[in-house]
Amino acid sequence: TLAFGDLIEKDKTVVDEASEILGGNVTHMNAHGSRLDKYRKRSWGTTG
């Protein structure tokens, strides 16, 4: 039971770290998505 508890704590820290990294990725993806949307609108005008 103690060993299982330790493993769960380690897994919890790994999951928390992954959650933080994914949260950062979401913000970066949203920023890049808005930049790409602006570029697409501009490029569609020149393509047209």
ModelCIF file with pLDDT and N, C-alpha, C, O atoms, coordinates in Angstrom:
data_MODEL
#
_entry.id   MODEL 
#
_entity.id                         1 
_entity.type                       polymer 
_entity.pdbx_number_of_molecules   1 
#
_entity_poly.entity_id                      1 
_entity_poly.type                           'polypeptide(L)' 
_entity_poly.nstd_linkage                   no 
_entity_poly.nstd_monomer                   no 
_entity_poly.pdbx_seq_one_letter_code       TLAFGDLIEKDKTVVDEASEILGGNVTHMNAHGSRLDKYRKRSWGTTG 
_entity_poly.pdbx_seq_one_letter_code_can   TLAFGDLIEKDKTVVDEASEILGGNVTHMNAHGSRLDKYRKRSWGTTG 
_entity_poly.pdbx_strand_id                 A 
#
loop_
_entity_poly_seq.entity_id 
_entity_poly_seq.num 
_entity_poly_seq.mon_id 
_entity_poly_seq.hetero 
1 1  THR n 
1 2  LEU n 
1 3  ALA n 
1 4  PHE n 
1 5  GLY n 
1 6  ASP n 
1 7  LEU n 
1 8  ILE n 
1 9  GLU n 
1 10 LYS n 
1 11 ASP n 
1 12 LYS n 
1 13 THR n 
1 14 VAL n 
1 15 VAL n 
1 16 ASP n 
1 17 GLU n 
1 18 ALA n 
1 19 SER n 
1 20 GLU n 
1 21 ILE n 
1 22 LEU n 
1 23 GLY n 
1 24 GLY n 
1 25 ASN n 
1 26 VAL n 
1 27 THR n 
1 28 HIS n 
1 29 MET n 
1 30 ASN n 
1 31 ALA n 
1 32 HIS n 
1 33 GLY n 
1 34 SER n 
1 35 ARG n 
1 36 LEU n 
1 37 ASP n 
1 38 LYS n 
1 39 TYR n 
1 40 ARG n 
1 41 LYS n 
1 42 ARG n 
1 43 SER n 
1 44 TRP n 
1 45 GLY n 
1 46 THR n 
1 47 THR n 
1 48 GLY n 
#
_struct_asym.id          A 
_struct_asym.entity_id   1 
#
loop_
_ma_qa_metric.id 
_ma_qa_metric.mode 
_ma_qa_metric.name 
_ma_qa_metric.software_group_id 
_ma_qa_metric.type 
1 global pLDDT . pLDDT 
2 local  pLDDT . pLDDT 
#
_ma_qa_metric_global.metric_id      1 
_ma_qa_metric_global.metric_value   90.06 
_ma_qa_metric_global.model_id       1 
_ma_qa_metric_global.ordinal_id     1 
#
loop_
_ma_qa_metric_local.label_asym_id 
_ma_qa_metric_local.label_comp_id 
_ma_qa_metric_local.label_seq_id 
_ma_qa_metric_local.metric_id 
_ma_qa_metric_local.metric_value 
_ma_qa_metric_local.model_id 
_ma_qa_metric_local.ordinal_id 
A THR 1  2 96.00 1 1  
A LEU 2  2 96.00 1 2  
A ALA 3  2 96.00 1 3  
A PHE 4  2 96.00 1 4  
A GLY 5  2 94.00 1 5  
A ASP 6  2 94.00 1 6  
A LEU 7  2 95.00 1 7  
A ILE 8  2 95.00 1 8  
A GLU 9  2 94.00 1 9  
A LYS 10 2 94.00 1 10 
A ASP 11 2 95.00 1 11 
A LYS 12 2 95.00 1 12 
A THR 13 2 94.00 1 13 
A VAL 14 2 94.00 1 14 
A VAL 15 2 95.00 1 15 
A ASP 16 2 94.00 1 16 
A GLU 17 2 94.00 1 17 
A ALA 18 2 94.00 1 18 
A SER 19 2 93.00 1 19 
A GLU 20 2 92.00 1 20 
A ILE 21 2 94.00 1 21 
A LEU 22 2 93.00 1 22 
A GLY 23 2 90.00 1 23 
A GLY 24 2 90.00 1 24 
A ASN 25 2 93.00 1 25 
A VAL 26 2 91.00 1 26 
A THR 27 2 91.00 1 27 
A HIS 28 2 91.00 1 28 
A MET 29 2 92.00 1 29 
A ASN 30 2 91.00 1 30 
A ALA 31 2 90.00 1 31 
A HIS 32 2 90.00 1 32 
A GLY 33 2 89.00 1 33 
A SER 34 2 89.00 1 34 
A ARG 35 2 89.00 1 35 
A LEU 36 2 89.00 1 36 
A ASP 37 2 87.00 1 37 
A LYS 38 2 86.00 1 38 
A TYR 39 2 84.00 1 39 
A ARG 40 2 83.00 1 40 
A LYS 41 2 81.00 1 41 
A ARG 42 2 80.00 1 42 
A SER 43 2 79.00 1 43 
A TRP 44 2 76.00 1 44 
A GLY 45 2 76.00 1 45 
A THR 46 2 82.00 1 46 
A THR 47 2 84.00 1 47 
A GLY 48 2 83.00 1 48 
#
loop_
_atom_site.group_PDB 
_atom_site.id 
_atom_site.type_symbol 
_atom_site.label_atom_id 
_atom_site.label_alt_id 
_atom_site.label_comp_id 
_atom_site.label_asym_id 
_atom_site.label_entity_id 
_atom_site.label_seq_id 
_atom_site.pdbx_PDB_ins_code 
_atom_site.Cartn_x 
_atom_site.Cartn_y 
_atom_site.Cartn_z 
_atom_site.occupancy 
_atom_site.B_iso_or_equiv 
_atom_site.pdbx_formal_charge 
_atom_site.auth_seq_id 
_atom_site.auth_comp_id 
_atom_site.auth_asym_id 
_atom_site.auth_atom_id 
_atom_site.pdbx_PDB_model_num 
ATOM 1   N N  . THR A 1 1  ? 0.829  -1.202 0.000   1.00 96.00 ? 1  THR A N  1 
ATOM 2   C CA . THR A 1 1  ? 0.000  0.000  0.000   1.00 96.00 ? 1  THR A CA 1 
ATOM 3   C C  . THR A 1 1  ? 0.863  1.251  0.000   1.00 96.00 ? 1  THR A C  1 
ATOM 4   O O  . THR A 1 1  ? 0.567  2.206  -0.718  1.00 96.00 ? 1  THR A O  1 
ATOM 5   N N  . LEU A 1 2  ? 1.932  1.259  0.800   1.00 96.00 ? 2  LEU A N  1 
ATOM 6   C CA . LEU A 1 2  ? 2.830  2.417  0.820   1.00 96.00 ? 2  LEU A CA 1 
ATOM 7   C C  . LEU A 1 2  ? 3.536  2.593  -0.520  1.00 96.00 ? 2  LEU A C  1 
ATOM 8   O O  . LEU A 1 2  ? 3.685  3.714  -1.008  1.00 96.00 ? 2  LEU A O  1 
ATOM 9   N N  . ALA A 1 3  ? 3.971  1.480  -1.112  1.00 96.00 ? 3  ALA A N  1 
ATOM 10  C CA . ALA A 1 3  ? 4.632  1.561  -2.422  1.00 96.00 ? 3  ALA A CA 1 
ATOM 11  C C  . ALA A 1 3  ? 3.659  2.070  -3.481  1.00 96.00 ? 3  ALA A C  1 
ATOM 12  O O  . ALA A 1 3  ? 4.028  2.881  -4.330  1.00 96.00 ? 3  ALA A O  1 
ATOM 13  N N  . PHE A 1 4  ? 2.423  1.594  -3.430  1.00 96.00 ? 4  PHE A N  1 
ATOM 14  C CA . PHE A 1 4  ? 1.407  2.033  -4.383  1.00 96.00 ? 4  PHE A CA 1 
ATOM 15  C C  . PHE A 1 4  ? 1.116  3.523  -4.196  1.00 96.00 ? 4  PHE A C  1 
ATOM 16  O O  . PHE A 1 4  ? 0.940  4.253  -5.172  1.00 96.00 ? 4  PHE A O  1 
ATOM 17  N N  . GLY A 1 5  ? 1.065  3.966  -2.946  1.00 94.00 ? 5  GLY A N  1 
ATOM 18  C CA . GLY A 1 5  ? 0.860  5.394  -2.672  1.00 94.00 ? 5  GLY A CA 1 
ATOM 19  C C  . GLY A 1 5  ? 1.981  6.239  -3.228  1.00 94.00 ? 5  GLY A C  1 
ATOM 20  O O  . GLY A 1 5  ? 1.735  7.309  -3.786  1.00 94.00 ? 5  GLY A O  1 
ATOM 21  N N  . ASP A 1 6  ? 3.221  5.771  -3.083  1.00 94.00 ? 6  ASP A N  1 
ATOM 22  C CA . ASP A 1 6  ? 4.364  6.498  -3.639  1.00 94.00 ? 6  ASP A CA 1 
ATOM 23  C C  . ASP A 1 6  ? 4.287  6.576  -5.160  1.00 94.00 ? 6  ASP A C  1 
ATOM 24  O O  . ASP A 1 6  ? 4.565  7.620  -5.751  1.00 94.00 ? 6  ASP A O  1 
ATOM 25  N N  . LEU A 1 7  ? 3.907  5.465  -5.788  1.00 95.00 ? 7  LEU A N  1 
ATOM 26  C CA . LEU A 1 7  ? 3.770  5.465  -7.240  1.00 95.00 ? 7  LEU A CA 1 
ATOM 27  C C  . LEU A 1 7  ? 2.677  6.431  -7.692  1.00 95.00 ? 7  LEU A C  1 
ATOM 28  O O  . LEU A 1 7  ? 2.829  7.123  -8.699  1.00 95.00 ? 7  LEU A O  1 
ATOM 29  N N  . ILE A 1 8  ? 1.595  6.473  -6.955  1.00 95.00 ? 8  ILE A N  1 
ATOM 30  C CA . ILE A 1 8  ? 0.511  7.386  -7.307  1.00 95.00 ? 8  ILE A CA 1 
ATOM 31  C C  . ILE A 1 8  ? 0.974  8.831  -7.170  1.00 95.00 ? 8  ILE A C  1 
ATOM 32  O O  . ILE A 1 8  ? 0.636  9.670  -8.006  1.00 95.00 ? 8  ILE A O  1 
ATOM 33  N N  . GLU A 1 9  ? 1.740  9.131  -6.130  1.00 94.00 ? 9  GLU A N  1 
ATOM 34  C CA . GLU A 1 9  ? 2.264  10.492 -5.960  1.00 94.00 ? 9  GLU A CA 1 
ATOM 35  C C  . GLU A 1 9  ? 3.192  10.868 -7.112  1.00 94.00 ? 9  GLU A C  1 
ATOM 36  O O  . GLU A 1 9  ? 3.124  11.985 -7.626  1.00 94.00 ? 9  GLU A O  1 
ATOM 37  N N  . LYS A 1 10 ? 4.064  9.933  -7.521  1.00 94.00 ? 10 LYS A N  1 
ATOM 38  C CA . LYS A 1 10 ? 4.956  10.210 -8.649  1.00 94.00 ? 10 LYS A CA 1 
ATOM 39  C C  . LYS A 1 10 ? 4.150  10.437 -9.927  1.00 94.00 ? 10 LYS A C  1 
ATOM 40  O O  . LYS A 1 10 ? 4.431  11.357 -10.695 1.00 94.00 ? 10 LYS A O  1 
ATOM 41  N N  . ASP A 1 11 ? 3.144  9.585  -10.142 1.00 95.00 ? 11 ASP A N  1 
ATOM 42  C CA . ASP A 1 11 ? 2.307  9.748  -11.326 1.00 95.00 ? 11 ASP A CA 1 
ATOM 43  C C  . ASP A 1 11 ? 1.550  11.066 -11.282 1.00 95.00 ? 11 ASP A C  1 
ATOM 44  O O  . ASP A 1 11 ? 1.343  11.702 -12.315 1.00 95.00 ? 11 ASP A O  1 
ATOM 45  N N  . LYS A 1 12 ? 1.139  11.475 -10.095 1.00 95.00 ? 12 LYS A N  1 
ATOM 46  C CA . LYS A 1 12 ? 0.415  12.742 -9.966  1.00 95.00 ? 12 LYS A CA 1 
ATOM 47  C C  . LYS A 1 12 ? 1.319  13.908 -10.352 1.00 95.00 ? 12 LYS A C  1 
ATOM 48  O O  . LYS A 1 12 ? 0.879  14.842 -11.022 1.00 95.00 ? 12 LYS A O  1 
ATOM 49  N N  . THR A 1 13 ? 2.582  13.855 -9.930  1.00 94.00 ? 13 THR A N  1 
ATOM 50  C CA . THR A 1 13 ? 3.498  14.935 -10.305 1.00 94.00 ? 13 THR A CA 1 
ATOM 51  C C  . THR A 1 13 ? 3.730  14.944 -11.816 1.00 94.00 ? 13 THR A C  1 
ATOM 52  O O  . THR A 1 13 ? 3.801  16.010 -12.427 1.00 94.00 ? 13 THR A O  1 
ATOM 53  N N  . VAL A 1 14 ? 3.846  13.766 -12.414 1.00 94.00 ? 14 VAL A N  1 
ATOM 54  C CA . VAL A 1 14 ? 4.038  13.690 -13.870 1.00 94.00 ? 14 VAL A CA 1 
ATOM 55  C C  . VAL A 1 14 ? 2.810  14.258 -14.588 1.00 94.00 ? 14 VAL A C  1 
ATOM 56  O O  . VAL A 1 14 ? 2.946  15.004 -15.558 1.00 94.00 ? 14 VAL A O  1 
ATOM 57  N N  . VAL A 1 15 ? 1.625  13.907 -14.114 1.00 95.00 ? 15 VAL A N  1 
ATOM 58  C CA . VAL A 1 15 ? 0.397  14.398 -14.735 1.00 95.00 ? 15 VAL A CA 1 
ATOM 59  C C  . VAL A 1 15 ? 0.287  15.912 -14.568 1.00 95.00 ? 15 VAL A C  1 
ATOM 60  O O  . VAL A 1 15 ? -0.132 16.608 -15.493 1.00 95.00 ? 15 VAL A O  1 
ATOM 61  N N  . ASP A 1 16 ? 0.659  16.425 -13.399 1.00 94.00 ? 16 ASP A N  1 
ATOM 62  C CA . ASP A 1 16 ? 0.620  17.872 -13.178 1.00 94.00 ? 16 ASP A CA 1 
ATOM 63  C C  . ASP A 1 16 ? 1.589  18.600 -14.110 1.00 94.00 ? 16 ASP A C  1 
ATOM 64  O O  . ASP A 1 16 ? 1.248  19.636 -14.681 1.00 94.00 ? 16 ASP A O  1 
ATOM 65  N N  . GLU A 1 17 ? 2.796  18.057 -14.261 1.00 94.00 ? 17 GLU A N  1 
ATOM 66  C CA . GLU A 1 17 ? 3.773  18.669 -15.168 1.00 94.00 ? 17 GLU A CA 1 
ATOM 67  C C  . GLU A 1 17 ? 3.259  18.647 -16.607 1.00 94.00 ? 17 GLU A C  1 
ATOM 68  O O  . GLU A 1 17 ? 3.384  19.633 -17.333 1.00 94.00 ? 17 GLU A O  1 
ATOM 69  N N  . ALA A 1 18 ? 2.684  17.524 -17.011 1.00 94.00 ? 18 ALA A N  1 
ATOM 70  C CA . ALA A 1 18 ? 2.146  17.424 -18.374 1.00 94.00 ? 18 ALA A CA 1 
ATOM 71  C C  . ALA A 1 18 ? 0.994  18.407 -18.566 1.00 94.00 ? 18 ALA A C  1 
ATOM 72  O O  . ALA A 1 18 ? 0.842  18.995 -19.637 1.00 94.00 ? 18 ALA A O  1 
ATOM 73  N N  . SER A 1 19 ? 0.195  18.579 -17.537 1.00 93.00 ? 19 SER A N  1 
ATOM 74  C CA . SER A 1 19 ? -0.924 19.520 -17.620 1.00 93.00 ? 19 SER A CA 1 
ATOM 75  C C  . SER A 1 19 ? -0.420 20.947 -17.787 1.00 93.00 ? 19 SER A C  1 
ATOM 76  O O  . SER A 1 19 ? -0.975 21.715 -18.573 1.00 93.00 ? 19 SER A O  1 
ATOM 77  N N  . GLU A 1 20 ? 0.622  21.303 -17.058 1.00 92.00 ? 20 GLU A N  1 
ATOM 78  C CA . GLU A 1 20 ? 1.191  22.642 -17.205 1.00 92.00 ? 20 GLU A CA 1 
ATOM 79  C C  . GLU A 1 20 ? 1.762  22.846 -18.607 1.00 92.00 ? 20 GLU A C  1 
ATOM 80  O O  . GLU A 1 20 ? 1.568  23.897 -19.217 1.00 92.00 ? 20 GLU A O  1 
ATOM 81  N N  . ILE A 1 21 ? 2.458  21.847 -19.105 1.00 94.00 ? 21 ILE A N  1 
ATOM 82  C CA . ILE A 1 21 ? 3.040  21.950 -20.452 1.00 94.00 ? 21 ILE A CA 1 
ATOM 83  C C  . ILE A 1 21 ? 1.942  22.078 -21.497 1.00 94.00 ? 21 ILE A C  1 
ATOM 84  O O  . ILE A 1 21 ? 2.048  22.883 -22.422 1.00 94.00 ? 21 ILE A O  1 
ATOM 85  N N  . LEU A 1 22 ? 0.888  21.282 -21.349 1.00 93.00 ? 22 LEU A N  1 
ATOM 86  C CA . LEU A 1 22 ? -0.212 21.352 -22.308 1.00 93.00 ? 22 LEU A CA 1 
ATOM 87  C C  . LEU A 1 22 ? -0.928 22.696 -22.230 1.00 93.00 ? 22 LEU A C  1 
ATOM 88  O O  . LEU A 1 22 ? -1.365 23.226 -23.251 1.00 93.00 ? 22 LEU A O  1 
ATOM 89  N N  . GLY A 1 23 ? -1.051 23.252 -21.021 1.00 90.00 ? 23 GLY A N  1 
ATOM 90  C CA . GLY A 1 23 ? -1.650 24.572 -20.887 1.00 90.00 ? 23 GLY A CA 1 
ATOM 91  C C  . GLY A 1 23 ? -0.835 25.622 -21.624 1.00 90.00 ? 23 GLY A C  1 
ATOM 92  O O  . GLY A 1 23 ? -1.390 26.490 -22.297 1.00 90.00 ? 23 GLY A O  1 
ATOM 93  N N  . GLY A 1 24 ? 0.491  25.540 -21.493 1.00 90.00 ? 24 GLY A N  1 
ATOM 94  C CA . GLY A 1 24 ? 1.357  26.455 -22.238 1.00 90.00 ? 24 GLY A CA 1 
ATOM 95  C C  . GLY A 1 24 ? 1.220  26.268 -23.737 1.00 90.00 ? 24 GLY A C  1 
ATOM 96  O O  . GLY A 1 24 ? 1.211  27.240 -24.493 1.00 90.00 ? 24 GLY A O  1 
ATOM 97  N N  . ASN A 1 25 ? 1.115  25.013 -24.168 1.00 93.00 ? 25 ASN A N  1 
ATOM 98  C CA . ASN A 1 25 ? 0.957  24.747 -25.598 1.00 93.00 ? 25 ASN A CA 1 
ATOM 99  C C  . ASN A 1 25 ? -0.350 25.315 -26.128 1.00 93.00 ? 25 ASN A C  1 
ATOM 100 O O  . ASN A 1 25 ? -0.403 25.801 -27.257 1.00 93.00 ? 25 ASN A O  1 
ATOM 101 N N  . VAL A 1 26 ? -1.387 25.258 -25.333 1.00 91.00 ? 26 VAL A N  1 
ATOM 102 C CA . VAL A 1 26 ? -2.682 25.788 -25.778 1.00 91.00 ? 26 VAL A CA 1 
ATOM 103 C C  . VAL A 1 26 ? -2.591 27.296 -25.995 1.00 91.00 ? 26 VAL A C  1 
ATOM 104 O O  . VAL A 1 26 ? -3.103 27.822 -26.984 1.00 91.00 ? 26 VAL A O  1 
ATOM 105 N N  . THR A 1 27 ? -1.935 27.984 -25.066 1.00 91.00 ? 27 THR A N  1 
ATOM 106 C CA . THR A 1 27 ? -1.809 29.436 -25.249 1.00 91.00 ? 27 THR A CA 1 
ATOM 107 C C  . THR A 1 27 ? -0.973 29.766 -26.484 1.00 91.00 ? 27 THR A C  1 
ATOM 108 O O  . THR A 1 27 ? -1.303 30.687 -27.231 1.00 91.00 ? 27 THR A O  1 
ATOM 109 N N  . HIS A 1 28 ? 0.107  29.017 -26.699 1.00 91.00 ? 28 HIS A N  1 
ATOM 110 C CA . HIS A 1 28 ? 0.929  29.244 -27.892 1.00 91.00 ? 28 HIS A CA 1 
ATOM 111 C C  . HIS A 1 28 ? 0.145  28.945 -29.165 1.00 91.00 ? 28 HIS A C  1 
ATOM 112 O O  . HIS A 1 28 ? 0.232  29.689 -30.142 1.00 91.00 ? 28 HIS A O  1 
ATOM 113 N N  . MET A 1 29 ? -0.613 27.867 -29.153 1.00 92.00 ? 29 MET A N  1 
ATOM 114 C CA . MET A 1 29 ? -1.398 27.509 -30.330 1.00 92.00 ? 29 MET A CA 1 
ATOM 115 C C  . MET A 1 29 ? -2.465 28.562 -30.624 1.00 92.00 ? 29 MET A C  1 
ATOM 116 O O  . MET A 1 29 ? -2.715 28.881 -31.787 1.00 92.00 ? 29 MET A O  1 
ATOM 117 N N  . ASN A 1 30 ? -3.092 29.100 -29.586 1.00 91.00 ? 30 ASN A N  1 
ATOM 118 C CA . ASN A 1 30 ? -4.081 30.153 -29.807 1.00 91.00 ? 30 ASN A CA 1 
ATOM 119 C C  . ASN A 1 30 ? -3.427 31.401 -30.396 1.00 91.00 ? 30 ASN A C  1 
ATOM 120 O O  . ASN A 1 30 ? -3.982 32.021 -31.303 1.00 91.00 ? 30 ASN A O  1 
ATOM 121 N N  . ALA A 1 31 ? -2.260 31.769 -29.893 1.00 90.00 ? 31 ALA A N  1 
ATOM 122 C CA . ALA A 1 31 ? -1.558 32.945 -30.419 1.00 90.00 ? 31 ALA A CA 1 
ATOM 123 C C  . ALA A 1 31 ? -1.162 32.732 -31.878 1.00 90.00 ? 31 ALA A C  1 
ATOM 124 O O  . ALA A 1 31 ? -1.378 33.607 -32.717 1.00 90.00 ? 31 ALA A O  1 
ATOM 125 N N  . HIS A 1 32 ? -0.589 31.580 -32.175 1.00 90.00 ? 32 HIS A N  1 
ATOM 126 C CA . HIS A 1 32 ? -0.170 31.294 -33.552 1.00 90.00 ? 32 HIS A CA 1 
ATOM 127 C C  . HIS A 1 32 ? -1.385 31.144 -34.464 1.00 90.00 ? 32 HIS A C  1 
ATOM 128 O O  . HIS A 1 32 ? -1.331 31.516 -35.636 1.00 90.00 ? 32 HIS A O  1 
ATOM 129 N N  . GLY A 1 33 ? -2.470 30.605 -33.937 1.00 89.00 ? 33 GLY A N  1 
ATOM 130 C CA . GLY A 1 33 ? -3.693 30.469 -34.737 1.00 89.00 ? 33 GLY A CA 1 
ATOM 131 C C  . GLY A 1 33 ? -4.244 31.818 -35.154 1.00 89.00 ? 33 GLY A C  1 
ATOM 132 O O  . GLY A 1 33 ? -4.682 31.992 -36.291 1.00 89.00 ? 33 GLY A O  1 
ATOM 133 N N  . SER A 1 34 ? -4.223 32.784 -34.226 1.00 89.00 ? 34 SER A N  1 
ATOM 134 C CA . SER A 1 34 ? -4.713 34.115 -34.588 1.00 89.00 ? 34 SER A CA 1 
ATOM 135 C C  . SER A 1 34 ? -3.780 34.776 -35.613 1.00 89.00 ? 34 SER A C  1 
ATOM 136 O O  . SER A 1 34 ? -4.244 35.463 -36.523 1.00 89.00 ? 34 SER A O  1 
ATOM 137 N N  . ARG A 1 35 ? -2.473 34.567 -35.463 1.00 89.00 ? 35 ARG A N  1 
ATOM 138 C CA . ARG A 1 35 ? -1.534 35.116 -36.445 1.00 89.00 ? 35 ARG A CA 1 
ATOM 139 C C  . ARG A 1 35 ? -1.753 34.491 -37.819 1.00 89.00 ? 35 ARG A C  1 
ATOM 140 O O  . ARG A 1 35 ? -1.728 35.187 -38.834 1.00 89.00 ? 35 ARG A O  1 
ATOM 141 N N  . LEU A 1 36 ? -1.970 33.170 -37.849 1.00 89.00 ? 36 LEU A N  1 
ATOM 142 C CA . LEU A 1 36 ? -2.215 32.501 -39.127 1.00 89.00 ? 36 LEU A CA 1 
ATOM 143 C C  . LEU A 1 36 ? -3.525 32.957 -39.750 1.00 89.00 ? 36 LEU A C  1 
ATOM 144 O O  . LEU A 1 36 ? -3.624 33.060 -40.973 1.00 89.00 ? 36 LEU A O  1 
ATOM 145 N N  . ASP A 1 37 ? -4.519 33.229 -38.936 1.00 87.00 ? 37 ASP A N  1 
ATOM 146 C CA . ASP A 1 37 ? -5.796 33.695 -39.453 1.00 87.00 ? 37 ASP A CA 1 
ATOM 147 C C  . ASP A 1 37 ? -5.628 35.062 -40.119 1.00 87.00 ? 37 ASP A C  1 
ATOM 148 O O  . ASP A 1 37 ? -6.176 35.304 -41.194 1.00 87.00 ? 37 ASP A O  1 
ATOM 149 N N  . LYS A 1 38 ? -4.869 35.953 -39.476 1.00 86.00 ? 38 LYS A N  1 
ATOM 150 C CA . LYS A 1 38 ? -4.600 37.262 -40.077 1.00 86.00 ? 38 LYS A CA 1 
ATOM 151 C C  . LYS A 1 38 ? -3.839 37.107 -41.388 1.00 86.00 ? 38 LYS A C  1 
ATOM 152 O O  . LYS A 1 38 ? -4.153 37.771 -42.375 1.00 86.00 ? 38 LYS A O  1 
ATOM 153 N N  . TYR A 1 39 ? -2.840 36.232 -41.396 1.00 84.00 ? 39 TYR A N  1 
ATOM 154 C CA . TYR A 1 39 ? -2.053 36.007 -42.609 1.00 84.00 ? 39 TYR A CA 1 
ATOM 155 C C  . TYR A 1 39 ? -2.920 35.434 -43.723 1.00 84.00 ? 39 TYR A C  1 
ATOM 156 O O  . TYR A 1 39 ? -2.786 35.824 -44.883 1.00 84.00 ? 39 TYR A O  1 
ATOM 157 N N  . ARG A 1 40 ? -3.805 34.512 -43.371 1.00 83.00 ? 40 ARG A N  1 
ATOM 158 C CA . ARG A 1 40 ? -4.680 33.901 -44.376 1.00 83.00 ? 40 ARG A CA 1 
ATOM 159 C C  . ARG A 1 40 ? -5.597 34.953 -44.997 1.00 83.00 ? 40 ARG A C  1 
ATOM 160 O O  . ARG A 1 40 ? -5.818 34.959 -46.208 1.00 83.00 ? 40 ARG A O  1 
ATOM 161 N N  . LYS A 1 41 ? -6.123 35.832 -44.166 1.00 81.00 ? 41 LYS A N  1 
ATOM 162 C CA . LYS A 1 41 ? -7.002 36.878 -44.700 1.00 81.00 ? 41 LYS A CA 1 
ATOM 163 C C  . LYS A 1 41 ? -6.232 37.803 -45.641 1.00 81.00 ? 41 LYS A C  1 
ATOM 164 O O  . LYS A 1 41 ? -6.732 38.184 -46.699 1.00 81.00 ? 41 LYS A O  1 
ATOM 165 N N  . ARG A 1 42 ? -5.007 38.159 -45.242 1.00 80.00 ? 42 ARG A N  1 
ATOM 166 C CA . ARG A 1 42 ? -4.199 39.021 -46.094 1.00 80.00 ? 42 ARG A CA 1 
ATOM 167 C C  . ARG A 1 42 ? -3.801 38.307 -47.384 1.00 80.00 ? 42 ARG A C  1 
ATOM 168 O O  . ARG A 1 42 ? -3.863 38.880 -48.472 1.00 80.00 ? 42 ARG A O  1 
ATOM 169 N N  . SER A 1 43 ? -3.391 37.047 -47.240 1.00 79.00 ? 43 SER A N  1 
ATOM 170 C CA . SER A 1 43 ? -2.922 36.330 -48.428 1.00 79.00 ? 43 SER A CA 1 
ATOM 171 C C  . SER A 1 43 ? -4.077 36.016 -49.371 1.00 79.00 ? 43 SER A C  1 
ATOM 172 O O  . SER A 1 43 ? -3.869 35.954 -50.583 1.00 79.00 ? 43 SER A O  1 
ATOM 173 N N  . TRP A 1 44 ? -5.281 35.816 -48.859 1.00 76.00 ? 44 TRP A N  1 
ATOM 174 C CA . TRP A 1 44 ? -6.413 35.540 -49.734 1.00 76.00 ? 44 TRP A CA 1 
ATOM 175 C C  . TRP A 1 44 ? -6.717 36.775 -50.593 1.00 76.00 ? 44 TRP A C  1 
ATOM 176 O O  . TRP A 1 44 ? -7.113 36.656 -51.753 1.00 76.00 ? 44 TRP A O  1 
ATOM 177 N N  . GLY A 1 45 ? -6.527 37.958 -50.006 1.00 76.00 ? 45 GLY A N  1 
ATOM 178 C CA . GLY A 1 45 ? -6.737 39.176 -50.786 1.00 76.00 ? 45 GLY A CA 1 
ATOM 179 C C  . GLY A 1 45 ? -5.745 39.269 -51.929 1.00 76.00 ? 45 GLY A C  1 
ATOM 180 O O  . GLY A 1 45 ? -6.133 39.596 -53.051 1.00 76.00 ? 45 GLY A O  1 
ATOM 181 N N  . THR A 1 46 ? -4.488 38.994 -51.677 1.00 82.00 ? 46 THR A N  1 
ATOM 182 C CA . THR A 1 46 ? -3.491 39.057 -52.754 1.00 82.00 ? 46 THR A CA 1 
ATOM 183 C C  . THR A 1 46 ? -3.697 37.924 -53.747 1.00 82.00 ? 46 THR A C  1 
ATOM 184 O O  . THR A 1 46 ? -3.471 38.108 -54.943 1.00 82.00 ? 46 THR A O  1 
ATOM 185 N N  . THR A 1 47 ? -4.120 36.759 -53.278 1.00 84.00 ? 47 THR A N  1 
ATOM 186 C CA . THR A 1 47 ? -4.378 35.638 -54.189 1.00 84.00 ? 47 THR A CA 1 
ATOM 187 C C  . THR A 1 47 ? -5.560 35.965 -55.085 1.00 84.00 ? 47 THR A C  1 
ATOM 188 O O  . THR A 1 47 ? -5.540 35.680 -56.282 1.00 84.00 ? 47 THR A O  1 
ATOM 189 N N  . GLY A 1 48 ? -6.591 36.566 -54.500 1.00 83.00 ? 48 GLY A N  1 
ATOM 190 C CA . GLY A 1 48 ? -7.752 36.962 -55.303 1.00 83.00 ? 48 GLY A CA 1 
ATOM 191 C C  . GLY A 1 48 ? -7.380 37.987 -56.364 1.00 83.00 ? 48 GLY A C  1 
ATOM 192 O O  . GLY A 1 48 ? -8.241 38.427 -57.127 1.00 83.00 ? 48 GLY A O  1 
#
